[in-house]
Full PDB file with SEQRES, HELIX, SHEET, SSBOND, CRYST1, ORIGX, SCALE, CONECT and MASTER records, all heavy atoms in Angstrom:
SEQRES   1 A   37  THR LYS LYS SER SER SER VAL ILE ILE SER ASN PRO ASN          
SEQRES   2 A   37  ASN GLY GLU ILE LEU ALA LEU VAL SER TYR PRO SER VAL          
SEQRES   3 A   37  GLU SER ASN LEU PHE SER SER GLY LEU SER ILE                  
HELIX    1 AA1 SER A   28  SER A   33  1                                   6    
SHEET    1 AA1 2 SER A   5  SER A  10  0                                        
SHEET    2 AA1 2 ILE A  17  TYR A  23 -1                                        
CRYST1    1.000    1.000    1.000  90.00  90.00  90.00 P 1           1          
ORIGX1      1.000000  0.000000  0.000000        0.00000                         
ORIGX2      0.000000  1.000000  0.000000        0.00000                         
ORIGX3      0.000000  0.000000  1.000000        0.00000                         
SCALE1      1.000000  0.000000  0.000000        0.00000                         
SCALE2      0.000000  1.000000  0.000000        0.00000                         
SCALE3      0.000000  0.000000  1.000000        0.00000                         
ATOM      1  N   THR A   1    -212.238 113.391-103.345  1.00  0.00           N  
ATOM      2  CA  THR A   1    -210.799 113.488-103.636  1.00  0.00           C  
ATOM      3  C   THR A   1    -210.097 114.450-102.684  1.00  0.00           C  
ATOM      4  O   THR A   1    -208.884 114.367-102.507  1.00  0.00           O  
ATOM      5  CB  THR A   1    -210.549 113.977-105.070  1.00  0.00           C  
ATOM      6  OG1 THR A   1    -210.923 115.362-105.187  1.00  0.00           O  
ATOM      7  CG2 THR A   1    -211.328 113.150-106.074  1.00  0.00           C  
ATOM      8  N   LYS A   2    -210.872 115.404-102.129  1.00  0.00           N  
ATOM      9  CA  LYS A   2    -210.323 116.458-101.265  1.00  0.00           C  
ATOM     10  C   LYS A   2    -209.270 117.307-101.983  1.00  0.00           C  
ATOM     11  O   LYS A   2    -208.401 117.912-101.357  1.00  0.00           O  
ATOM     12  CB  LYS A   2    -209.746 115.870 -99.974  1.00  0.00           C  
ATOM     13  CG  LYS A   2    -210.786 115.219 -99.067  1.00  0.00           C  
ATOM     14  CD  LYS A   2    -210.173 114.681 -97.791  1.00  0.00           C  
ATOM     15  CE  LYS A   2    -211.214 114.245 -96.779  1.00  0.00           C  
ATOM     16  NZ  LYS A   2    -212.212 113.313 -97.290  1.00  0.00           N  
ATOM     17  N   LYS A   3    -209.339 117.325-103.314  1.00  0.00           N  
ATOM     18  CA  LYS A   3    -208.411 118.091-104.140  1.00  0.00           C  
ATOM     19  C   LYS A   3    -209.168 119.163-104.915  1.00  0.00           C  
ATOM     20  O   LYS A   3    -210.321 118.965-105.305  1.00  0.00           O  
ATOM     21  CB  LYS A   3    -207.699 117.183-105.144  1.00  0.00           C  
ATOM     22  CG  LYS A   3    -206.897 116.047-104.533  1.00  0.00           C  
ATOM     23  CD  LYS A   3    -205.548 116.521-104.032  1.00  0.00           C  
ATOM     24  CE  LYS A   3    -204.678 115.362-103.589  1.00  0.00           C  
ATOM     25  NZ  LYS A   3    -203.351 115.828-103.117  1.00  0.00           N  
ATOM     26  N   SER A   4    -208.518 120.304-105.149  1.00  0.00           N  
ATOM     27  CA  SER A   4    -209.099 121.290-106.047  1.00  0.00           C  
ATOM     28  C   SER A   4    -209.277 120.630-107.409  1.00  0.00           C  
ATOM     29  O   SER A   4    -208.352 120.001-107.930  1.00  0.00           O  
ATOM     30  CB  SER A   4    -208.177 122.504-106.181  1.00  0.00           C  
ATOM     31  OG  SER A   4    -208.101 123.204-104.962  1.00  0.00           O  
ATOM     32  N   SER A   5    -210.461 120.780-107.990  1.00  0.00           N  
ATOM     33  CA  SER A   5    -210.765 119.995-109.186  1.00  0.00           C  
ATOM     34  C   SER A   5    -211.949 120.574-109.940  1.00  0.00           C  
ATOM     35  O   SER A   5    -212.656 121.455-109.434  1.00  0.00           O  
ATOM     36  CB  SER A   5    -211.060 118.542-108.787  1.00  0.00           C  
ATOM     37  OG  SER A   5    -211.962 118.498-107.686  1.00  0.00           O  
ATOM     38  N   SER A   6    -212.152 120.054-111.138  1.00  0.00           N  
ATOM     39  CA  SER A   6    -213.306 120.493-111.928  1.00  0.00           C  
ATOM     40  C   SER A   6    -213.684 119.425-112.940  1.00  0.00           C  
ATOM     41  O   SER A   6    -212.846 118.630-113.368  1.00  0.00           O  
ATOM     42  CB  SER A   6    -213.021 121.822-112.635  1.00  0.00           C  
ATOM     43  OG  SER A   6    -212.043 121.641-113.643  1.00  0.00           O  
ATOM     44  N   VAL A   7    -214.957 119.433-113.298  1.00  0.00           N  
ATOM     45  CA  VAL A   7    -215.488 118.571-114.352  1.00  0.00           C  
ATOM     46  C   VAL A   7    -216.480 119.390-115.169  1.00  0.00           C  
ATOM     47  O   VAL A   7    -217.286 120.132-114.600  1.00  0.00           O  
ATOM     48  CB  VAL A   7    -216.203 117.324-113.776  1.00  0.00           C  
ATOM     49  CG1 VAL A   7    -216.918 116.544-114.896  1.00  0.00           C  
ATOM     50  CG2 VAL A   7    -215.226 116.407-113.057  1.00  0.00           C  
ATOM     51  N   ILE A   8    -216.407 119.255-116.490  1.00  0.00           N  
ATOM     52  CA  ILE A   8    -217.381 119.899-117.368  1.00  0.00           C  
ATOM     53  C   ILE A   8    -217.915 118.844-118.331  1.00  0.00           C  
ATOM     54  O   ILE A   8    -217.141 118.069-118.899  1.00  0.00           O  
ATOM     55  CB  ILE A   8    -216.783 121.055-118.192  1.00  0.00           C  
ATOM     56  CG1 ILE A   8    -215.893 121.955-117.336  1.00  0.00           C  
ATOM     57  CG2 ILE A   8    -217.894 121.882-118.846  1.00  0.00           C  
ATOM     58  CD1 ILE A   8    -215.098 122.976-118.131  1.00  0.00           C  
ATOM     59  N   ILE A   9    -219.224 118.823-118.499  1.00  0.00           N  
ATOM     60  CA  ILE A   9    -219.848 117.958-119.498  1.00  0.00           C  
ATOM     61  C   ILE A   9    -220.664 118.840-120.436  1.00  0.00           C  
ATOM     62  O   ILE A   9    -221.427 119.700-119.974  1.00  0.00           O  
ATOM     63  CB  ILE A   9    -220.758 116.892-118.852  1.00  0.00           C  
ATOM     64  CG1 ILE A   9    -219.937 115.957-117.972  1.00  0.00           C  
ATOM     65  CG2 ILE A   9    -221.498 116.094-119.921  1.00  0.00           C  
ATOM     66  CD1 ILE A   9    -220.744 114.870-117.298  1.00  0.00           C  
ATOM     67  N   SER A  10    -220.499 118.635-121.734  1.00  0.00           N  
ATOM     68  CA  SER A  10    -221.225 119.454-122.700  1.00  0.00           C  
ATOM     69  C   SER A  10    -221.800 118.596-123.811  1.00  0.00           C  
ATOM     70  O   SER A  10    -221.455 117.426-123.967  1.00  0.00           O  
ATOM     71  CB  SER A  10    -220.300 120.529-123.302  1.00  0.00           C  
ATOM     72  OG  SER A  10    -219.484 119.971-124.319  1.00  0.00           O  
ATOM     73  N   ASN A  11    -222.681 119.201-124.584  1.00  0.00           N  
ATOM     74  CA  ASN A  11    -223.161 118.602-125.827  1.00  0.00           C  
ATOM     75  C   ASN A  11    -222.385 119.262-126.953  1.00  0.00           C  
ATOM     76  O   ASN A  11    -222.595 120.439-127.246  1.00  0.00           O  
ATOM     77  CB  ASN A  11    -224.665 118.848-125.984  1.00  0.00           C  
ATOM     78  CG  ASN A  11    -225.226 118.221-127.252  1.00  0.00           C  
ATOM     79  OD1 ASN A  11    -224.507 117.930-128.198  1.00  0.00           O  
ATOM     80  ND2 ASN A  11    -226.535 118.025-127.271  1.00  0.00           N  
ATOM     81  N   PRO A  12    -221.479 118.528-127.618  1.00  0.00           N  
ATOM     82  CA  PRO A  12    -220.631 119.160-128.633  1.00  0.00           C  
ATOM     83  C   PRO A  12    -221.390 119.582-129.887  1.00  0.00           C  
ATOM     84  O   PRO A  12    -220.866 120.344-130.697  1.00  0.00           O  
ATOM     85  CB  PRO A  12    -219.608 118.069-128.961  1.00  0.00           C  
ATOM     86  CG  PRO A  12    -220.298 116.788-128.629  1.00  0.00           C  
ATOM     87  CD  PRO A  12    -221.171 117.092-127.456  1.00  0.00           C  
ATOM     88  N   ASN A  13    -222.640 119.107-130.032  1.00  0.00           N  
ATOM     89  CA  ASN A  13    -223.421 119.408-131.225  1.00  0.00           C  
ATOM     90  C   ASN A  13    -224.180 120.722-131.151  1.00  0.00           C  
ATOM     91  O   ASN A  13    -224.735 121.176-132.156  1.00  0.00           O  
ATOM     92  CB  ASN A  13    -224.409 118.269-131.492  1.00  0.00           C  
ATOM     93  CG  ASN A  13    -223.704 116.936-131.642  1.00  0.00           C  
ATOM     94  OD1 ASN A  13    -222.871 116.758-132.517  1.00  0.00           O  
ATOM     95  ND2 ASN A  13    -224.014 115.998-130.752  1.00  0.00           N  
ATOM     96  N   ASN A  14    -224.207 121.328-129.957  1.00  0.00           N  
ATOM     97  CA  ASN A  14    -224.869 122.643-129.843  1.00  0.00           C  
ATOM     98  C   ASN A  14    -224.236 123.557-128.797  1.00  0.00           C  
ATOM     99  O   ASN A  14    -224.656 124.703-128.644  1.00  0.00           O  
ATOM    100  CB  ASN A  14    -226.365 122.478-129.545  1.00  0.00           C  
ATOM    101  CG  ASN A  14    -226.628 121.685-128.271  1.00  0.00           C  
ATOM    102  OD1 ASN A  14    -225.764 121.572-127.397  1.00  0.00           O  
ATOM    103  ND2 ASN A  14    -227.823 121.132-128.145  1.00  0.00           N  
ATOM    104  N   GLY A  15    -223.236 123.067-128.060  1.00  0.00           N  
ATOM    105  CA  GLY A  15    -222.534 123.894-127.077  1.00  0.00           C  
ATOM    106  C   GLY A  15    -223.171 123.951-125.708  1.00  0.00           C  
ATOM    107  O   GLY A  15    -222.668 124.647-124.816  1.00  0.00           O  
ATOM    108  N   GLU A  16    -224.273 123.220-125.492  1.00  0.00           N  
ATOM    109  CA  GLU A  16    -224.920 123.236-124.177  1.00  0.00           C  
ATOM    110  C   GLU A  16    -224.007 122.640-123.106  1.00  0.00           C  
ATOM    111  O   GLU A  16    -223.382 121.606-123.320  1.00  0.00           O  
ATOM    112  CB  GLU A  16    -226.221 122.438-124.203  1.00  0.00           C  
ATOM    113  CG  GLU A  16    -227.357 123.112-124.936  1.00  0.00           C  
ATOM    114  CD  GLU A  16    -228.655 122.350-124.782  1.00  0.00           C  
ATOM    115  OE1 GLU A  16    -228.646 121.242-124.183  1.00  0.00           O  
ATOM    116  OE2 GLU A  16    -229.693 122.838-125.272  1.00  0.00           O  
ATOM    117  N   ILE A  17    -223.952 123.308-121.958  1.00  0.00           N  
ATOM    118  CA  ILE A  17    -223.212 122.794-120.805  1.00  0.00           C  
ATOM    119  C   ILE A  17    -224.198 122.073-119.896  1.00  0.00           C  
ATOM    120  O   ILE A  17    -225.152 122.673-119.392  1.00  0.00           O  
ATOM    121  CB  ILE A  17    -222.530 123.932-120.029  1.00  0.00           C  
ATOM    122  CG1 ILE A  17    -221.514 124.660-120.916  1.00  0.00           C  
ATOM    123  CG2 ILE A  17    -221.856 123.388-118.772  1.00  0.00           C  
ATOM    124  CD1 ILE A  17    -220.297 123.861-121.295  1.00  0.00           C  
ATOM    125  N   LEU A  18    -223.976 120.777-119.676  1.00  0.00           N  
ATOM    126  CA  LEU A  18    -224.871 119.981-118.835  1.00  0.00           C  
ATOM    127  C   LEU A  18    -224.426 119.993-117.374  1.00  0.00           C  
ATOM    128  O   LEU A  18    -225.249 119.842-116.466  1.00  0.00           O  
ATOM    129  CB  LEU A  18    -224.931 118.543-119.341  1.00  0.00           C  
ATOM    130  CG  LEU A  18    -225.368 118.375-120.805  1.00  0.00           C  
ATOM    131  CD1 LEU A  18    -225.354 116.907-121.194  1.00  0.00           C  
ATOM    132  CD2 LEU A  18    -226.746 118.975-121.031  1.00  0.00           C  
ATOM    133  N   ALA A  19    -223.146 120.151-117.163  1.00  0.00           N  
ATOM    134  CA  ALA A  19    -222.599 120.259-115.803  1.00  0.00           C  
ATOM    135  C   ALA A  19    -221.294 121.025-115.885  1.00  0.00           C  
ATOM    136  O   ALA A  19    -220.503 120.817-116.811  1.00  0.00           O  
ATOM    137  CB  ALA A  19    -222.375 118.881-115.186  1.00  0.00           C  
ATOM    138  N   LEU A  20    -221.092 121.923-114.947  1.00  0.00           N  
ATOM    139  CA  LEU A  20    -219.834 122.660-114.836  1.00  0.00           C  
ATOM    140  C   LEU A  20    -219.540 122.772-113.344  1.00  0.00           C  
ATOM    141  O   LEU A  20    -220.128 123.589-112.644  1.00  0.00           O  
ATOM    142  CB  LEU A  20    -219.934 124.025-115.492  1.00  0.00           C  
ATOM    143  CG  LEU A  20    -218.629 124.812-115.655  1.00  0.00           C  
ATOM    144  CD1 LEU A  20    -218.671 125.706-116.894  1.00  0.00           C  
ATOM    145  CD2 LEU A  20    -218.337 125.667-114.427  1.00  0.00           C  
ATOM    146  N   VAL A  21    -218.655 121.903-112.890  1.00  0.00           N  
ATOM    147  CA  VAL A  21    -218.414 121.741-111.460  1.00  0.00           C  
ATOM    148  C   VAL A  21    -217.013 122.208-111.104  1.00  0.00           C  
ATOM    149  O   VAL A  21    -216.049 121.885-111.804  1.00  0.00           O  
ATOM    150  CB  VAL A  21    -218.590 120.269-111.036  1.00  0.00           C  
ATOM    151  CG1 VAL A  21    -218.443 120.127-109.524  1.00  0.00           C  
ATOM    152  CG2 VAL A  21    -219.939 119.734-111.498  1.00  0.00           C  
ATOM    153  N   SER A  22    -216.921 122.976-110.038  1.00  0.00           N  
ATOM    154  CA  SER A  22    -215.628 123.407-109.510  1.00  0.00           C  
ATOM    155  C   SER A  22    -215.617 123.117-108.013  1.00  0.00           C  
ATOM    156  O   SER A  22    -216.495 123.580-107.274  1.00  0.00           O  
ATOM    157  CB  SER A  22    -215.414 124.906-109.764  1.00  0.00           C  
ATOM    158  OG  SER A  22    -214.212 125.356-109.170  1.00  0.00           O  
ATOM    159  N   TYR A  23    -214.634 122.335-107.581  1.00  0.00           N  
ATOM    160  CA  TYR A  23    -214.542 121.993-106.166  1.00  0.00           C  
ATOM    161  C   TYR A  23    -213.251 122.560-105.568  1.00  0.00           C  
ATOM    162  O   TYR A  23    -212.196 122.461-106.192  1.00  0.00           O  
ATOM    163  CB  TYR A  23    -214.563 120.474-105.965  1.00  0.00           C  
ATOM    164  CG  TYR A  23    -214.313 120.093-104.524  1.00  0.00           C  
ATOM    165  CD1 TYR A  23    -215.341 120.131-103.593  1.00  0.00           C  
ATOM    166  CD2 TYR A  23    -213.027 119.747-104.092  1.00  0.00           C  
ATOM    167  CE1 TYR A  23    -215.097 119.826-102.263  1.00  0.00           C  
ATOM    168  CE2 TYR A  23    -212.781 119.436-102.763  1.00  0.00           C  
ATOM    169  CZ  TYR A  23    -213.820 119.477-101.855  1.00  0.00           C  
ATOM    170  OH  TYR A  23    -213.572 119.195-100.535  1.00  0.00           O  
ATOM    171  N   PRO A  24    -213.323 123.155-104.354  1.00  0.00           N  
ATOM    172  CA  PRO A  24    -214.551 123.441-103.610  1.00  0.00           C  
ATOM    173  C   PRO A  24    -215.202 124.742-104.082  1.00  0.00           C  
ATOM    174  O   PRO A  24    -214.550 125.576-104.715  1.00  0.00           O  
ATOM    175  CB  PRO A  24    -214.035 123.585-102.173  1.00  0.00           C  
ATOM    176  CG  PRO A  24    -212.643 124.130-102.328  1.00  0.00           C  
ATOM    177  CD  PRO A  24    -212.107 123.499-103.585  1.00  0.00           C  
ATOM    178  N   SER A  25    -216.466 124.885-103.767  1.00  0.00           N  
ATOM    179  CA  SER A  25    -217.204 126.111-104.108  1.00  0.00           C  
ATOM    180  C   SER A  25    -217.808 126.711-102.851  1.00  0.00           C  
ATOM    181  O   SER A  25    -218.145 125.989-101.909  1.00  0.00           O  
ATOM    182  CB  SER A  25    -218.324 125.809-105.112  1.00  0.00           C  
ATOM    183  OG  SER A  25    -217.812 125.463-106.368  1.00  0.00           O  
ATOM    184  N   VAL A  26    -217.954 128.015-102.845  1.00  0.00           N  
ATOM    185  CA  VAL A  26    -218.514 128.694-101.680  1.00  0.00           C  
ATOM    186  C   VAL A  26    -220.035 128.645-101.722  1.00  0.00           C  
ATOM    187  O   VAL A  26    -220.638 128.375-102.762  1.00  0.00           O  
ATOM    188  CB  VAL A  26    -218.051 130.162-101.588  1.00  0.00           C  
ATOM    189  CG1 VAL A  26    -216.565 130.242-101.377  1.00  0.00           C  
ATOM    190  CG2 VAL A  26    -218.463 130.929-102.815  1.00  0.00           C  
ATOM    191  N   GLU A  27    -220.639 128.936-100.611  1.00  0.00           N  
ATOM    192  CA  GLU A  27    -222.087 129.008-100.488  1.00  0.00           C  
ATOM    193  C   GLU A  27    -222.567 130.394-100.900  1.00  0.00           C  
ATOM    194  O   GLU A  27    -222.268 131.384-100.233  1.00  0.00           O  
ATOM    195  CB  GLU A  27    -222.494 128.704 -99.039  1.00  0.00           C  
ATOM    196  CG  GLU A  27    -223.969 128.819 -98.747  1.00  0.00           C  
ATOM    197  CD  GLU A  27    -224.774 127.798 -99.517  1.00  0.00           C  
ATOM    198  OE1 GLU A  27    -224.650 126.592 -99.230  1.00  0.00           O  
ATOM    199  OE2 GLU A  27    -225.530 128.235-100.417  1.00  0.00           O  
ATOM    200  N   SER A  28    -223.298 130.471-101.997  1.00  0.00           N  
ATOM    201  CA  SER A  28    -223.760 131.764-102.511  1.00  0.00           C  
ATOM    202  C   SER A  28    -224.649 132.499-101.525  1.00  0.00           C  
ATOM    203  O   SER A  28    -224.698 133.733-101.499  1.00  0.00           O  
ATOM    204  CB  SER A  28    -224.516 131.567-103.837  1.00  0.00           C  
ATOM    205  OG  SER A  28    -223.668 131.037-104.830  1.00  0.00           O  
ATOM    206  N   ASN A  29    -225.374 131.747-100.686  1.00  0.00           N  
ATOM    207  CA  ASN A  29    -226.281 132.369 -99.716  1.00  0.00           C  
ATOM    208  C   ASN A  29    -225.542 133.254 -98.709  1.00  0.00           C  
ATOM    209  O   ASN A  29    -226.129 134.181 -98.147  1.00  0.00           O  
ATOM    210  CB  ASN A  29    -227.072 131.296 -98.968  1.00  0.00           C  
ATOM    211  CG  ASN A  29    -228.106 130.630 -99.849  1.00  0.00           C  
ATOM    212  OD1 ASN A  29    -228.876 131.304-100.532  1.00  0.00           O  
ATOM    213  ND2 ASN A  29    -228.116 129.309 -99.865  1.00  0.00           N  
ATOM    214  N   LEU A  30    -224.265 132.959 -98.492  1.00  0.00           N  
ATOM    215  CA  LEU A  30    -223.486 133.780 -97.559  1.00  0.00           C  
ATOM    216  C   LEU A  30    -223.403 135.224 -98.052  1.00  0.00           C  
ATOM    217  O   LEU A  30    -223.474 136.168 -97.260  1.00  0.00           O  
ATOM    218  CB  LEU A  30    -222.081 133.209 -97.394  1.00  0.00           C  
ATOM    219  CG  LEU A  30    -221.954 131.864 -96.675  1.00  0.00           C  
ATOM    220  CD1 LEU A  30    -220.522 131.363 -96.756  1.00  0.00           C  
ATOM    221  CD2 LEU A  30    -222.396 131.989 -95.223  1.00  0.00           C  
ATOM    222  N   PHE A  31    -223.261 135.400 -99.361  1.00  0.00           N  
ATOM    223  CA  PHE A  31    -223.118 136.740 -99.930  1.00  0.00           C  
ATOM    224  C   PHE A  31    -224.449 137.479 -99.988  1.00  0.00           C  
ATOM    225  O   PHE A  31    -224.514 138.668 -99.721  1.00  0.00           O  
ATOM    226  CB  PHE A  31    -222.507 136.644-101.331  1.00  0.00           C  
ATOM    227  CG  PHE A  31    -221.136 136.069-101.353  1.00  0.00           C  
ATOM    228  CD1 PHE A  31    -220.930 134.739-101.688  1.00  0.00           C  
ATOM    229  CD2 PHE A  31    -220.031 136.836-101.021  1.00  0.00           C  
ATOM    230  CE1 PHE A  31    -219.660 134.188-101.707  1.00  0.00           C  
ATOM    231  CE2 PHE A  31    -218.751 136.304-101.037  1.00  0.00           C  
ATOM    232  CZ  PHE A  31    -218.571 134.976-101.382  1.00  0.00           C  
ATOM    233  N   SER A  32    -225.503 136.772-100.358  1.00  0.00           N  
ATOM    234  CA  SER A  32    -226.797 137.444-100.507  1.00  0.00           C  
ATOM    235  C   SER A  32    -227.423 137.786 -99.163  1.00  0.00           C  
ATOM    236  O   SER A  32    -228.180 138.746 -99.046  1.00  0.00           O  
ATOM    237  CB  SER A  32    -227.768 136.566-101.318  1.00  0.00           C  
ATOM    238  OG  SER A  32    -227.981 135.323-100.681  1.00  0.00           O  
ATOM    239  N   SER A  33    -227.084 137.005 -98.131  1.00  0.00           N  
ATOM    240  CA  SER A  33    -227.653 137.261 -96.800  1.00  0.00           C  
ATOM    241  C   SER A  33    -226.801 138.222 -95.979  1.00  0.00           C  
ATOM    242  O   SER A  33    -227.269 138.786 -94.994  1.00  0.00           O  
ATOM    243  CB  SER A  33    -227.813 135.943 -96.030  1.00  0.00           C  
ATOM    244  OG  SER A  33    -228.672 135.069 -96.712  1.00  0.00           O  
ATOM    245  N   GLY A  34    -225.551 138.406 -96.388  1.00  0.00           N  
ATOM    246  CA  GLY A  34    -224.646 139.284 -95.639  1.00  0.00           C  
ATOM    247  C   GLY A  34    -223.560 138.469 -94.975  1.00  0.00           C  
ATOM    248  O   GLY A  34    -223.830 137.641 -94.100  1.00  0.00           O  
ATOM    249  N   LEU A  35    -222.332 138.681 -95.396  1.00  0.00           N  
ATOM    250  CA  LEU A  35    -221.198 137.884 -94.962  1.00  0.00           C  
ATOM    251  C   LEU A  35    -220.549 138.510 -93.721  1.00  0.00           C  
ATOM    252  O   LEU A  35    -220.265 139.707 -93.698  1.00  0.00           O  
ATOM    253  CB  LEU A  35    -220.186 137.823 -96.110  1.00  0.00           C  
ATOM    254  CG  LEU A  35    -219.169 136.699 -96.155  1.00  0.00           C  
ATOM    255  CD1 LEU A  35    -219.849 135.346 -96.259  1.00  0.00           C  
ATOM    256  CD2 LEU A  35    -218.237 136.901 -97.337  1.00  0.00           C  
ATOM    257  N   SER A  36    -220.301 137.686 -92.705  1.00  0.00           N  
ATOM    258  CA  SER A  36    -219.588 138.183 -91.527  1.00  0.00           C  
ATOM    259  C   SER A  36    -218.091 138.216 -91.815  1.00  0.00           C  
ATOM    260  O   SER A  36    -217.605 137.569 -92.754  1.00  0.00           O  
ATOM    261  CB  SER A  36    -219.856 137.284 -90.317  1.00  0.00           C  
ATOM    262  OG  SER A  36    -219.226 136.028 -90.493  1.00  0.00           O  
ATOM    263  N   ILE A  37    -217.344 138.958 -91.006  1.00  0.00           N  
ATOM    264  CA  ILE A  37    -215.899 139.048 -91.182  1.00  0.00           C  
ATOM    265  C   ILE A  37    -215.254 137.669 -91.016  1.00  0.00           C  
ATOM    266  O   ILE A  37    -214.345 137.292 -91.765  1.00  0.00           O  
ATOM    267  CB  ILE A  37    -215.288 140.039 -90.168  1.00  0.00           C  
ATOM    268  CG1 ILE A  37    -215.787 141.457 -90.466  1.00  0.00           C  
ATOM    269  CG2 ILE A  37    -213.765 139.992 -90.210  1.00  0.00           C  
ATOM    270  CD1 ILE A  37    -215.358 142.482 -89.465  1.00  0.00           C  
TER     271      ILE A  37                                                      
MASTER        0    0    0    1    2    0    0    6  270    1    0    3          
END                                                                             
């Protein structure tokens, strides 16, 4: 879609989250490895 967006899927009978998606998302490895300016 190239749009800021999100989708969440849950089990309403116990509150479990099966998917929680936010687009776009950053790469977590950038922070743990050291982010350049």
